[in-house]
Protein backbone atom coordinates (compact mmCIF):
# COMPACT_ATOMS: atom_id res chain seq x y z
CA MET A 1 139.72 59.96 257.68
CA LYS A 2 139.85 63.94 258.22
CA LEU A 3 137.66 65.98 255.81
CA GLU A 4 140.20 68.16 255.76
CA ASN A 5 142.99 65.93 254.31
CA LEU A 6 139.89 64.86 251.53
CA GLU A 7 140.61 68.50 250.79
CA GLU A 8 143.74 68.97 250.30
CA LYS A 9 143.85 65.34 248.36
CA ASN A 10 141.11 66.40 245.87
CA PRO A 11 142.60 65.34 242.84
CA LEU A 12 139.64 67.54 240.98
CA GLU A 13 140.23 70.74 242.43
CA PRO A 14 142.56 72.28 240.29
CA GLN A 15 145.30 74.07 242.50
CA LYS A 16 145.07 77.94 241.60
CA ASN A 17 149.06 78.02 240.63
CA ASN A 18 148.67 75.72 238.10
CA GLU A 19 149.11 76.87 234.93
CA VAL A 20 147.65 74.43 232.82
CA PHE A 21 144.47 75.42 234.84
CA ASP A 22 145.67 79.07 234.33
CA ASP A 23 145.81 78.60 230.52
CA VAL A 24 142.24 76.51 229.98
CA GLN A 25 140.52 79.69 231.91
CA ALA A 26 141.84 81.79 229.82
CA PHE A 27 141.00 80.00 226.65
CA LEU A 28 137.28 79.45 228.39
CA ASN A 29 137.45 83.19 229.11
CA LEU A 30 138.11 84.19 225.69
CA VAL A 31 135.38 81.63 223.97
CA THR A 32 132.64 83.05 226.48
CA ARG A 33 133.80 86.76 225.47
CA GLN A 34 132.97 85.88 222.02
CA ALA A 35 129.62 83.94 222.37
CA ASP A 36 128.83 86.82 223.94
CA LYS A 37 129.86 89.36 221.50
CA ASP A 38 128.30 86.94 218.88
CA SER A 39 125.29 86.83 221.42
CA ARG A 40 125.21 90.45 221.27
CA ALA A 41 125.34 91.32 217.79
CA LYS A 42 122.79 88.18 216.61
CA TYR A 43 119.88 90.08 219.43
CA GLU A 44 120.95 93.30 217.99
CA LYS A 45 120.19 92.67 214.10
CA LYS A 46 117.12 91.05 215.65
CA LYS A 47 116.31 94.09 217.20
CA GLU A 48 117.14 96.41 214.32
CA LYS A 49 114.89 94.30 211.89
CA GLU A 50 112.13 94.38 213.92
CA LYS A 51 108.65 96.52 213.23
CA PHE A 52 107.42 99.08 215.25
CA GLU A 53 104.85 102.08 214.42
CA ARG A 54 105.74 105.38 214.52
CA ILE A 55 103.41 107.96 215.57
CA ASN A 56 102.82 109.42 212.03
CA GLY A 57 101.62 105.80 211.50
CA GLU A 58 103.90 104.84 209.47
CA ILE A 59 105.34 100.65 210.09
CA THR A 60 108.84 101.23 209.89
CA SER A 61 112.57 99.20 211.28
CA ILE A 62 115.08 100.80 212.10
CA HIS A 63 117.00 98.62 209.20
CA GLU A 64 114.46 100.45 206.79
CA ILE A 65 115.41 103.57 207.96
CA ARG A 66 119.19 103.44 207.72
CA GLU A 67 118.76 101.42 204.14
CA ARG A 68 116.31 103.94 203.07
CA ASN A 69 118.84 106.77 204.39
CA GLU A 70 121.96 105.55 202.67
CA LYS A 71 120.27 105.86 199.51
CA LEU A 72 118.76 109.54 200.20
CA LEU A 73 121.88 111.06 201.45
CA SER A 74 125.58 110.47 201.56
CA GLU A 75 128.71 110.73 204.17
CA PHE A 76 130.90 112.94 201.80
CA PRO A 77 130.65 115.32 199.00
CA LEU A 78 129.41 114.16 195.43
CA ASP A 79 129.60 115.80 192.35
CA HIS A 80 126.46 116.68 190.90
CA GLU A 81 126.21 118.79 187.91
CA PRO A 82 123.89 122.31 188.96
CA LYS A 83 120.56 121.72 190.36
CA PHE A 84 119.16 125.10 190.60
CA SER A 85 120.07 126.63 186.80
CA LEU A 86 116.22 126.73 186.08
CA PHE A 87 115.30 127.76 189.41
CA PHE A 88 116.82 131.62 189.58
CA PRO A 89 115.77 132.22 186.43
CA ALA A 90 112.12 131.79 187.36
CA LEU A 91 112.88 133.64 190.47
CA GLY A 92 114.18 136.36 189.57
CA ARG A 93 111.48 137.06 187.40
CA LEU A 94 109.01 137.37 190.11
CA GLU A 95 112.01 139.39 191.99
CA ASN A 96 112.26 141.57 188.66
CA TRP A 97 116.08 141.33 188.77
CA SER A 98 118.20 142.81 186.39
CA GLU A 99 120.11 140.87 183.86
CA ASP A 100 123.96 141.41 186.05
CA VAL A 101 122.03 140.18 188.91
CA GLN A 102 120.47 136.86 187.50
CA LYS A 103 124.38 136.66 185.91
CA CYS A 104 126.39 136.87 188.77
CA TYR A 105 127.27 134.05 190.80
CA GLN A 106 126.19 135.15 194.45
CA LYS A 107 122.63 135.85 194.29
CA PRO A 108 120.60 138.33 196.67
CA PRO A 109 119.71 136.65 199.86
CA ILE A 110 115.89 136.61 198.71
CA ALA A 111 117.38 133.56 196.87
CA ALA A 112 119.15 131.52 199.54
CA LYS A 113 116.14 131.55 201.68
CA THR A 114 113.50 130.95 199.53
CA ILE A 115 115.65 127.88 198.15
CA ASN A 116 115.71 127.05 202.15
CA GLU A 117 111.89 127.11 202.68
CA VAL A 118 110.74 125.84 199.40
CA ILE A 119 113.40 123.16 198.63
CA TYR A 120 115.02 121.83 201.58
CA SER A 121 112.09 121.93 203.73
CA ARG A 122 109.88 119.85 201.97
CA PHE A 123 112.34 116.83 203.03
CA LYS A 124 112.19 114.67 206.75
CA GLU A 125 113.96 116.74 209.28
CA ASP A 126 116.91 114.01 209.90
CA VAL A 127 117.51 114.60 205.77
CA ILE A 128 118.06 118.40 206.63
CA SER A 129 120.38 118.35 210.16
CA HIS A 130 123.07 115.34 208.47
CA ILE A 131 123.02 117.76 205.56
CA HIS A 132 123.86 121.01 208.26
CA SER A 133 126.00 117.88 209.95
CA LYS A 134 128.14 117.31 207.54
CA ASN A 135 128.08 120.87 205.87
CA PRO A 136 128.28 123.38 208.24
CA TYR A 137 128.86 127.08 208.42
CA ILE A 138 132.73 128.49 207.35
CA LYS A 139 131.68 131.87 207.33
CA TYR A 140 128.39 134.12 208.42
CA CYS A 141 125.58 132.50 205.66
CA ILE A 142 128.00 130.45 203.44
CA ARG A 143 128.47 126.46 203.46
CA LYS A 144 131.54 125.04 202.31
CA TYR A 145 129.55 122.99 199.61
CA LYS A 146 126.86 123.19 198.08
CA ASN A 147 123.71 121.43 200.07
CA TYR A 148 123.24 118.51 197.56
CA ARG A 149 126.40 117.96 197.16
CA PHE A 150 125.71 115.27 200.51
CA LEU A 151 122.17 113.65 198.87
CA GLY A 152 122.68 110.45 197.50
CA GLU A 153 121.03 109.00 194.53
CA ASP A 154 117.56 109.07 195.71
CA GLY A 155 117.91 112.45 197.62
CA ILE A 156 118.86 113.80 194.50
CA LEU A 157 115.74 112.53 192.10
CA LYS A 158 113.70 114.00 195.02
CA LEU A 159 115.44 117.22 194.88
CA GLU A 160 115.04 117.44 191.10
CA LYS A 161 111.07 116.81 191.73
CA TYR A 162 111.22 119.31 194.26
CA ILE A 163 112.56 122.23 192.29
CA ASP A 164 110.61 121.38 188.83
CA ASP A 165 107.38 121.38 190.92
CA ALA A 166 108.82 124.97 192.76
CA VAL A 167 109.48 126.21 188.90
CA THR A 168 106.17 125.11 187.49
CA LEU A 169 104.20 127.08 189.85
CA MET A 170 106.72 129.98 189.67
CA ASN A 171 105.89 130.11 186.08
CA GLU A 172 101.91 130.41 186.94
CA CYS A 173 103.18 133.72 189.36
CA THR A 174 103.43 137.15 188.67
CA SER A 175 104.67 137.72 192.41
CA THR A 176 107.40 135.36 194.90
CA TYR A 177 104.86 136.45 197.59
CA GLU A 178 101.94 134.65 195.08
CA PHE A 179 104.22 131.67 194.67
CA ARG A 180 105.10 131.83 198.53
CA ILE A 181 101.31 131.63 198.81
CA LYS A 182 100.37 129.03 196.55
CA HIS A 183 103.05 126.39 197.48
CA ALA A 184 102.82 126.72 201.05
CA THR A 185 98.85 125.72 200.15
CA ARG A 186 99.96 122.89 197.48
CA PHE A 187 102.92 121.24 199.59
CA GLY A 188 102.74 122.94 202.80
CA THR A 189 106.05 123.99 203.13
CA GLY A 190 104.34 127.07 205.41
CA PHE A 191 104.64 130.49 204.65
CA GLN A 192 103.14 133.25 207.25
CA PRO A 193 101.05 135.67 204.81
CA ASP A 194 101.16 139.74 205.52
CA LEU A 195 97.79 140.75 206.78
CA PHE A 196 97.29 143.39 205.00
CA LYS A 197 98.00 142.09 201.50
């Protein structure tokens, strides 16, 4: 018997145009693809929970960072009550604002600058970048929402603590300049003092 005849008559070798073979092959491809997806998902989950050391020495995992950020941040603007009701009168006292300016909704530019440099600068950089990506400027120096509306439950608690710290320190000071120097010294927020004061 010739080898060519054996190859032609081998019943174990499926024919390419055989419909049963095509169905089985399609099923095997589907199962293989699903198994690959499942194993990839398991690998990614395992990788997320692996601990690593950050530059600052903190030992954490991607999973822990995501959980922390979910509690700290919000994807959508939440309805929080006004948070700076104690901050503005204290800042107004240091800046010698008139009663009309105190009552006006739109405050002088020093208010926004002080809030960003004293309050929001104490949050981690990824928190601020998240807030700014969700709440971009719609006009010159005007955002659609207040920044704190994109903070979650834990983020609001931190914000309130930062505001309380600032107001307490403002009550001890007689000028914004003095307040900024003391705040930078105590909380490390950074402030460039004037050379000739």
